[in-house]
């Protein structure tokens, strides 16, 4: 359901938006539905609002609920439309159908000049697909990430590939991501390397000194996040056992904000509650999570966003996955891809905690994810291309091609 009544397309502009005459701001529909999307699109929304060239329209799919509502409130973002698609233990196919239908309805009513999506979620894919169906050009923030394994992470890797075929503006966070897009046949003029907007938001939060660390002790802090579908079940139970082994050290406190997914909570809370050196919390407010990240000594994660944020705060990262679509952070030396084997995770964590030289080499490795000005680069490029008109190839056909490749 929409929080605001959908306008009648035949009735002209809605009262709170400019009339379509003379020079007017470009209407940019920004689609998000998860907490990471809110974090990474908040700088873009701020840049759009500060620009005289744009009138942003925020569409919240509601793919996540409590965590996202909390995040939007703290980031002072108010959706114009809320599709409220979240259902308990929903299937991806059901979610996808509801999202395409709901986003399409909003786009037909609002008639934006462009649609902006971010990353690799189901909301991202459905936002881009609905825009394609309505012949509205798509801008993809954080484009070009690839693990190289179609079902790992699942379904994000396929989502990225599909969105790239539906996109006009590919805003790549790194040179490597940009090169990957060009190697896949995306026209070079449609690829723009901007840095990652997560760094924009991280620096914005740190400048405000907002949030409070959830670590309880003065021991060395290990921040852990686990939630990915491919890590659930027996694999997550094995990793929980590894965390119990690590917690037997007398010099560490493990902080684990537990994802709200029942498949995650049932495993981690059951295995790790009531342990003296393990602190379990509900998902942390982004500001508190950032403060906790800054207070930590070591990060163990299967999250994509945390792989980007931690190096900017000089925190070594052990990636609890068999693949990563952010290989730049491994190449830079700021993270290690340790996989999901319990013994390998235990050995890697102890090695970093016990070897000051190894720890220092990772903590001091440069972050490959930008300088905090990605959102400004994105809005500048969009404004320039629209100002150039049809010559910039803004038409959807010029952006996405007339058909998907035969292999799909």
Protein backbone atom coordinates (compact mmCIF):
# COMPACT_ATOMS: atom_id res chain seq x y z
CA UNK A 1 0.00 0.00 0.00
CA UNK A 2 1.11 3.55 -0.70
CA UNK A 3 1.27 5.98 2.20
CA UNK A 4 0.29 8.75 -0.19
CA UNK A 5 -2.56 8.51 -2.71
CA UNK A 6 -1.34 7.73 -6.19
CA UNK A 7 -1.97 10.69 -8.52
CA UNK A 8 -4.21 10.46 -11.55
CA UNK A 9 -1.85 10.53 -14.56
CA UNK A 10 -4.49 12.41 -16.55
CA UNK A 11 -4.73 15.18 -13.98
CA UNK A 12 -1.27 16.67 -14.62
CA UNK A 13 1.37 17.29 -11.97
CA UNK A 14 0.71 16.48 -8.35
CA UNK A 15 0.39 19.44 -5.94
CA UNK A 16 3.81 18.92 -4.34
CA UNK A 17 5.75 18.63 -7.60
CA UNK A 18 6.60 21.17 -10.30
CA UNK A 19 4.43 21.66 -13.39
CA UNK A 20 5.86 20.41 -16.67
CA UNK A 21 6.48 23.73 -18.36
CA UNK A 22 9.65 25.65 -19.09
CA UNK A 23 12.74 24.59 -17.16
CA UNK A 24 11.77 22.17 -14.41
CA UNK A 25 13.67 19.81 -12.14
CA UNK A 26 14.06 16.30 -13.47
CA UNK A 27 11.92 13.82 -11.60
CA UNK A 28 14.18 11.03 -10.35
CA UNK A 29 12.47 7.99 -8.79
CA UNK A 30 14.85 6.40 -6.28
CA UNK A 31 13.95 2.78 -5.50
CA UNK A 32 15.08 1.13 -2.26
CA UNK A 33 13.82 -1.58 0.01
CA UNK A 34 16.64 -2.73 2.30
CA UNK A 35 18.82 -1.16 4.95
CA UNK A 36 22.05 -1.32 2.89
CA UNK A 37 20.26 0.41 0.02
CA UNK A 38 19.16 3.20 2.35
CA UNK A 39 22.73 3.65 3.56
CA UNK A 40 24.16 3.82 0.05
CA UNK A 41 21.39 5.88 -1.54
CA UNK A 42 21.11 8.45 1.27
CA UNK A 43 24.08 10.45 -0.11
CA UNK A 44 22.54 10.32 -3.58
CA UNK A 45 19.20 11.56 -2.26
CA UNK A 46 20.94 14.36 -0.37
CA UNK A 47 22.82 15.37 -3.53
CA UNK A 48 19.61 15.27 -5.60
CA UNK A 49 17.76 17.41 -3.06
CA UNK A 50 20.57 19.97 -2.94
CA UNK A 51 20.64 20.27 -6.73
CA UNK A 52 18.31 22.59 -8.62
CA UNK A 53 18.31 20.05 -11.47
CA UNK A 54 16.36 17.30 -9.69
CA UNK A 55 13.20 16.56 -7.74
CA UNK A 56 13.73 13.14 -6.11
CA UNK A 57 10.84 10.76 -5.48
CA UNK A 58 11.65 8.09 -2.90
CA UNK A 59 9.91 4.72 -3.36
CA UNK A 60 10.29 2.27 -0.47
CA UNK A 61 9.47 -1.28 -1.50
CA UNK A 62 9.49 -2.49 2.10
CA UNK A 63 11.60 -5.56 1.28
CA UNK A 64 13.02 -5.14 4.78
CA UNK A 65 10.70 -3.68 7.39
CA UNK A 66 11.76 -2.83 10.94
CA UNK A 67 15.45 -2.41 10.09
CA UNK A 68 14.68 -0.19 7.12
CA UNK A 69 12.12 2.00 8.88
CA UNK A 70 14.62 2.63 11.67
CA UNK A 71 17.29 3.50 9.13
CA UNK A 72 15.12 5.88 7.13
CA UNK A 73 14.14 7.75 10.28
CA UNK A 74 17.75 8.19 11.41
CA UNK A 75 18.83 9.32 7.93
CA UNK A 76 15.87 11.73 7.80
CA UNK A 77 14.48 10.16 4.62
CA UNK A 78 10.71 10.14 4.07
CA UNK A 79 9.32 7.86 1.34
CA UNK A 80 6.73 9.24 -1.05
CA UNK A 81 5.44 5.69 -1.60
CA UNK A 82 5.65 2.57 0.55
CA UNK A 83 4.75 -0.69 -1.17
CA UNK A 84 4.90 -2.76 2.05
CA UNK A 85 5.64 -6.04 0.27
CA UNK A 86 7.29 -7.85 3.18
CA UNK A 87 5.69 -11.14 4.25
CA UNK A 88 6.99 -13.71 6.71
CA UNK A 89 9.22 -16.38 5.11
CA UNK A 90 8.28 -15.19 1.64
CA UNK A 91 9.53 -16.91 -1.51
CA UNK A 92 11.68 -14.95 -3.95
CA UNK A 93 9.30 -15.60 -6.84
CA UNK A 94 6.35 -14.20 -4.87
CA UNK A 95 8.35 -11.17 -3.75
CA UNK A 96 9.54 -10.49 -7.30
CA UNK A 97 6.02 -10.55 -8.71
CA UNK A 98 4.67 -8.16 -6.08
CA UNK A 99 7.60 -5.78 -6.51
CA UNK A 100 7.37 -5.51 -10.30
CA UNK A 101 3.63 -4.92 -10.08
CA UNK A 102 3.86 -2.34 -7.29
CA UNK A 103 6.82 -0.40 -8.69
CA UNK A 104 5.26 -0.40 -12.16
CA UNK A 105 2.06 1.08 -10.77
CA UNK A 106 3.98 3.91 -9.09
CA UNK A 107 6.06 4.63 -12.19
CA UNK A 108 2.99 4.82 -14.44
CA UNK A 109 1.35 7.23 -12.02
CA UNK A 110 4.36 9.44 -11.40
CA UNK A 111 6.00 9.39 -14.85
CA UNK A 112 9.59 10.10 -13.67
CA UNK A 113 12.35 11.10 -16.06
CA UNK A 114 14.68 8.41 -14.71
CA UNK A 115 14.84 5.63 -12.15
CA UNK A 116 17.78 5.13 -9.78
CA UNK A 117 18.50 1.73 -8.25
CA UNK A 118 21.41 0.51 -6.15
CA UNK A 119 23.33 -2.70 -5.75
CA UNK A 120 21.93 -6.18 -6.22
CA UNK A 121 18.77 -6.81 -4.20
CA UNK A 122 15.44 -8.08 -5.47
CA UNK A 123 14.16 -4.50 -5.14
CA UNK A 124 17.01 -3.38 -7.41
CA UNK A 125 16.22 -5.94 -10.10
CA UNK A 126 12.48 -5.28 -9.97
CA UNK A 127 12.94 -1.51 -10.01
CA UNK A 128 15.10 -1.73 -13.12
CA UNK A 129 12.75 -4.21 -14.80
CA UNK A 130 9.64 -2.14 -14.08
CA UNK A 131 11.40 0.96 -15.42
CA UNK A 132 12.41 -0.93 -18.57
CA UNK A 133 8.82 -1.98 -19.13
CA UNK A 134 7.73 1.67 -18.80
CA UNK A 135 10.53 2.84 -21.14
CA UNK A 136 12.18 4.93 -18.40
CA UNK A 137 16.01 5.07 -18.36
CA UNK A 138 17.77 3.48 -15.39
CA UNK A 139 20.79 4.63 -13.39
CA UNK A 140 22.52 1.83 -11.46
CA UNK A 141 24.55 2.87 -8.44
CA UNK A 142 27.31 0.38 -7.48
CA UNK A 143 27.34 -1.24 -10.90
CA UNK A 144 29.80 -3.84 -12.16
CA UNK A 145 30.31 -5.98 -9.07
CA UNK A 146 30.79 -9.65 -9.93
CA UNK A 147 31.69 -12.81 -8.02
CA UNK A 148 31.88 -14.86 -11.21
CA UNK A 149 29.63 -17.58 -9.74
CA UNK A 150 26.01 -17.29 -10.87
CA UNK A 151 24.44 -18.64 -7.68
CA UNK A 152 26.95 -17.29 -5.13
CA UNK A 153 25.87 -15.01 -3.63
CA UNK A 154 22.30 -16.08 -4.32
CA UNK A 155 20.33 -14.42 -5.88
CA UNK A 156 22.48 -11.28 -5.95
CA UNK A 157 24.95 -12.33 -8.65
CA UNK A 158 22.17 -12.99 -11.18
CA UNK A 159 20.46 -9.75 -10.14
CA UNK A 160 23.62 -7.78 -10.98
CA UNK A 161 23.94 -9.36 -14.40
CA UNK A 162 20.31 -8.73 -15.29
CA UNK A 163 20.29 -5.15 -14.04
CA UNK A 164 23.32 -4.37 -16.16
CA UNK A 165 21.29 -5.25 -19.26
CA UNK A 166 18.53 -2.84 -18.21
CA UNK A 167 20.70 0.15 -17.33
CA UNK A 168 21.64 3.38 -19.12
CA UNK A 169 24.03 4.86 -16.51
CA UNK A 170 26.42 2.38 -14.90
CA UNK A 171 27.96 4.10 -11.84
CA UNK A 172 30.84 1.78 -10.96
CA UNK A 173 32.44 2.10 -7.51
CA UNK A 174 35.95 1.12 -8.67
CA UNK A 175 38.05 0.96 -11.82
CA UNK A 176 37.90 -2.83 -11.68
CA UNK A 177 34.09 -2.80 -11.66
CA UNK A 178 34.07 -0.37 -14.58
CA UNK A 179 36.47 -2.55 -16.56
CA UNK A 180 34.27 -5.59 -15.91
CA UNK A 181 31.24 -3.80 -17.36
CA UNK A 182 33.16 -2.76 -20.47
CA UNK A 183 34.42 -6.32 -20.92
CA UNK A 184 30.80 -7.49 -20.92
CA UNK A 185 29.95 -5.17 -23.80
CA UNK A 186 28.56 -2.15 -21.96
CA UNK A 187 29.44 0.95 -24.03
CA UNK A 188 32.36 2.78 -22.44
CA UNK A 189 30.45 6.08 -22.57
CA UNK A 190 27.78 4.57 -20.30
CA UNK A 191 30.24 3.55 -17.56
CA UNK A 192 31.31 6.12 -14.95
CA UNK A 193 33.70 5.31 -12.09
CA UNK A 194 32.56 7.32 -9.07
CA UNK A 195 33.77 5.62 -5.90
CA UNK A 196 31.30 3.97 -3.56
CA UNK A 197 28.53 6.01 -1.94
CA UNK A 198 28.87 3.96 1.25
CA UNK A 199 32.04 5.94 1.96
CA UNK A 200 30.11 9.20 1.47
CA UNK A 201 27.64 8.13 4.12
CA UNK A 202 30.24 6.66 6.47
CA UNK A 203 32.18 9.94 6.54
CA UNK A 204 28.92 11.90 6.91
CA UNK A 205 28.02 9.88 10.02
CA UNK A 206 31.51 9.98 11.52
CA UNK A 207 31.68 13.77 11.11
CA UNK A 208 28.57 14.01 13.26
CA UNK A 209 30.01 11.69 15.94
CA UNK A 210 26.62 10.01 16.04
CA UNK A 211 25.95 6.60 17.53
CA UNK A 212 27.26 4.58 20.46
CA UNK A 213 29.34 1.42 20.40
CA UNK A 214 27.59 -1.77 21.55
CA UNK A 215 30.80 -3.34 22.88
CA UNK A 216 30.47 -3.83 26.65
CA UNK A 217 34.06 -4.38 27.77
CA UNK A 218 37.50 -2.98 27.19
CA UNK A 219 38.69 -6.24 25.64
CA UNK A 220 39.76 -6.50 22.02
CA UNK A 221 36.60 -6.26 19.97
CA UNK A 222 35.62 -8.69 17.21
CA UNK A 223 32.60 -7.46 15.25
CA UNK A 224 30.73 -10.26 13.45
CA UNK A 225 27.90 -10.10 10.91
CA UNK A 226 26.32 -13.22 9.39
CA UNK A 227 23.15 -13.42 7.33
CA UNK A 228 23.65 -14.57 3.73
CA UNK A 229 21.33 -17.28 2.38
CA UNK A 230 24.22 -19.45 1.22
CA UNK A 231 25.66 -19.43 4.78
CA UNK A 232 22.45 -20.47 6.51
CA UNK A 233 21.74 -23.92 7.93
CA UNK A 234 24.58 -26.31 8.75
CA UNK A 235 27.24 -23.88 7.54
CA UNK A 236 26.04 -21.20 9.97
CA UNK A 237 25.88 -23.69 12.83
CA UNK A 238 29.51 -24.58 12.16
CA UNK A 239 30.53 -20.92 12.13
CA UNK A 240 28.66 -20.37 15.41
CA UNK A 241 30.75 -23.16 16.93
CA UNK A 242 33.89 -21.39 15.69
CA UNK A 243 32.79 -18.18 17.42
CA UNK A 244 32.40 -20.15 20.64
CA UNK A 245 36.00 -21.34 20.26
CA UNK A 246 37.23 -17.80 19.67
CA UNK A 247 35.31 -16.54 22.70
CA UNK A 248 37.35 -18.85 24.95
CA UNK A 249 40.23 -16.39 24.55
CA UNK A 250 40.42 -14.21 27.63
CA UNK A 251 41.31 -11.07 25.69
CA UNK A 252 38.37 -10.73 23.27
CA UNK A 253 34.73 -9.71 23.20
CA UNK A 254 32.67 -10.84 20.22
CA UNK A 255 29.83 -8.50 19.24
CA UNK A 256 27.22 -10.03 16.93
CA UNK A 257 24.16 -7.99 15.89
CA UNK A 258 21.74 -10.78 14.94
CA UNK A 259 19.84 -10.40 11.67
CA UNK A 260 16.05 -10.56 11.99
CA UNK A 261 15.72 -13.48 9.59
CA UNK A 262 14.29 -16.44 11.54
CA UNK A 263 16.71 -18.75 9.72
CA UNK A 264 19.60 -16.73 11.17
CA UNK A 265 18.22 -16.06 14.62
CA UNK A 266 17.20 -19.65 15.27
CA UNK A 267 20.80 -20.79 14.77
CA UNK A 268 22.87 -17.99 16.25
CA UNK A 269 20.81 -17.14 19.32
CA UNK A 270 20.42 -20.80 20.24
CA UNK A 271 24.15 -21.47 19.92
CA UNK A 272 25.64 -18.27 21.35
CA UNK A 273 23.34 -16.83 24.02
CA UNK A 274 24.49 -16.51 27.63
CA UNK A 275 28.20 -16.65 26.76
CA UNK A 276 30.30 -14.23 28.88
CA UNK A 277 32.54 -13.00 26.04
CA UNK A 278 29.82 -12.86 23.37
CA UNK A 279 27.42 -9.93 23.10
CA UNK A 280 24.30 -10.63 21.02
CA UNK A 281 22.15 -7.67 20.07
CA UNK A 282 19.25 -6.94 17.78
CA UNK A 283 20.32 -5.33 14.50
CA UNK A 284 22.05 -2.09 15.36
CA UNK A 285 20.94 1.29 14.19
CA UNK A 286 23.36 2.33 11.42
CA UNK A 287 24.84 5.07 13.58
CA UNK A 288 25.45 2.64 16.44
CA UNK A 289 26.80 0.03 14.03
CA UNK A 290 29.25 2.58 12.63
CA UNK A 291 30.38 3.50 16.14
CA UNK A 292 30.80 -0.20 16.95
CA UNK A 293 32.79 -0.74 13.77
CA UNK A 294 35.06 2.17 14.70
CA UNK A 295 35.55 0.68 18.18
CA UNK A 296 36.34 -2.84 16.93
CA UNK A 297 39.74 -4.40 16.36
CA UNK A 298 38.76 -7.09 13.86
CA UNK A 299 35.76 -7.76 11.60
CA UNK A 300 34.37 -11.14 10.54
CA UNK A 301 31.59 -10.78 7.99
CA UNK A 302 29.68 -12.21 5.06
CA UNK A 303 28.26 -8.77 4.26
CA UNK A 304 29.22 -6.87 1.14
CA UNK A 305 28.81 -3.40 2.63
CA UNK A 306 30.94 -4.15 5.68
CA UNK A 307 33.79 -5.21 3.37
CA UNK A 308 33.68 -1.64 2.02
CA UNK A 309 33.22 0.25 5.28
CA UNK A 310 35.75 -1.46 7.54
CA UNK A 311 38.90 -0.62 5.49
CA UNK A 312 37.95 3.06 5.54
CA UNK A 313 38.21 2.86 9.33
CA UNK A 314 41.43 0.79 9.24
CA UNK A 315 39.82 -2.43 10.47
CA UNK A 316 41.10 -5.77 9.09
CA UNK A 317 38.35 -7.91 7.57
CA UNK A 318 37.97 -11.68 7.30
CA UNK A 319 35.33 -12.44 4.67
CA UNK A 320 33.31 -15.52 5.62
CA UNK A 321 32.41 -16.49 2.07
CA UNK A 322 33.86 -18.59 -0.74
CA UNK A 323 33.56 -15.75 -3.26
CA UNK A 324 33.47 -11.97 -3.16
CA UNK A 325 32.27 -9.46 -5.72
CA UNK A 326 34.63 -6.94 -4.14
CA UNK A 327 38.03 -8.49 -4.93
CA UNK A 328 39.63 -5.03 -4.83
CA UNK A 329 39.59 -5.11 -1.02
CA UNK A 330 41.45 -8.44 -1.02
CA UNK A 331 43.96 -7.24 -3.61
CA UNK A 332 44.57 -4.10 -1.56
CA UNK A 333 45.42 -6.27 1.45
CA UNK A 334 42.66 -4.90 3.69
CA UNK A 335 40.65 -8.15 3.71
CA UNK A 336 41.16 -11.89 3.38
CA UNK A 337 38.69 -14.28 1.78
CA UNK A 338 38.86 -17.10 4.32
CA UNK A 339 35.83 -19.13 3.23
CA UNK A 340 33.44 -20.93 5.54
CA UNK A 341 35.53 -23.79 6.94
CA UNK A 342 35.43 -23.47 10.76
CA UNK A 343 39.10 -24.37 11.27
CA UNK A 344 40.24 -21.89 8.60
CA UNK A 345 38.19 -19.09 10.19
CA UNK A 346 39.53 -19.89 13.65
CA UNK A 347 43.15 -19.99 12.45
CA UNK A 348 42.84 -16.73 10.47
CA UNK A 349 41.27 -14.83 13.37
CA UNK A 350 43.84 -16.07 15.89
CA UNK A 351 46.63 -15.29 13.45
CA UNK A 352 45.58 -11.66 13.17
CA UNK A 353 45.06 -11.30 16.90
CA UNK A 354 48.45 -12.82 17.72
CA UNK A 355 50.67 -11.38 14.97
CA UNK A 356 51.10 -7.59 15.33
CA UNK A 357 52.95 -7.23 12.03
CA UNK A 358 50.26 -9.07 10.08
CA UNK A 359 47.56 -7.09 11.82
CA UNK A 360 49.28 -3.79 11.07
CA UNK A 361 49.75 -4.67 7.40
CA UNK A 362 46.01 -5.19 6.96
CA UNK A 363 44.92 -2.26 9.11
CA UNK A 364 47.16 0.12 7.17
CA UNK A 365 46.19 -1.16 3.71
CA UNK A 366 44.51 1.52 1.57
CA UNK A 367 40.77 1.44 0.98
CA UNK A 368 39.92 1.03 -2.72
CA UNK A 369 36.40 2.42 -2.42
CA UNK A 370 36.72 6.16 -2.93
CA UNK A 371 36.99 9.58 -1.35
CA UNK A 372 33.44 10.33 -0.18
CA UNK A 373 32.35 12.34 -3.24
CA UNK A 374 30.65 9.60 -5.24
CA UNK A 375 27.12 10.98 -4.92
CA UNK A 376 28.16 14.37 -6.27
CA UNK A 377 29.78 12.73 -9.28
CA UNK A 378 26.59 10.76 -9.93
CA UNK A 379 24.24 13.75 -9.87
CA UNK A 380 26.63 15.87 -11.94
CA UNK A 381 26.83 13.22 -14.67
CA UNK A 382 23.06 12.75 -14.77
CA UNK A 383 22.46 16.49 -15.03
CA UNK A 384 25.04 16.87 -17.78
CA UNK A 385 23.60 14.03 -19.85
CA UNK A 386 20.04 15.29 -19.59
CA UNK A 387 21.21 18.79 -20.49
CA UNK A 388 22.85 17.33 -23.60
CA UNK A 389 19.50 15.87 -24.64
CA UNK A 390 18.97 13.02 -27.12
CA UNK A 391 22.58 13.23 -28.29
CA UNK A 392 23.58 11.72 -24.94
CA UNK A 393 21.68 8.54 -25.78
CA UNK A 394 19.20 8.84 -22.94
CA UNK A 395 16.50 6.87 -24.73
CA UNK A 396 15.98 3.46 -23.16
CA UNK A 397 16.80 1.61 -26.37
CA UNK A 398 20.21 3.28 -26.54
CA UNK A 399 20.80 2.43 -22.92
CA UNK A 400 19.83 -1.18 -22.60
CA UNK A 401 19.78 -2.53 -26.12
CA UNK A 402 16.72 -3.73 -27.97
CA UNK A 403 16.81 -7.24 -26.57
CA UNK A 404 18.47 -9.33 -23.93
CA UNK A 405 21.31 -11.55 -25.14
CA UNK A 406 20.33 -14.96 -26.43
CA UNK A 407 22.03 -16.80 -23.55
CA UNK A 408 19.39 -15.36 -21.21
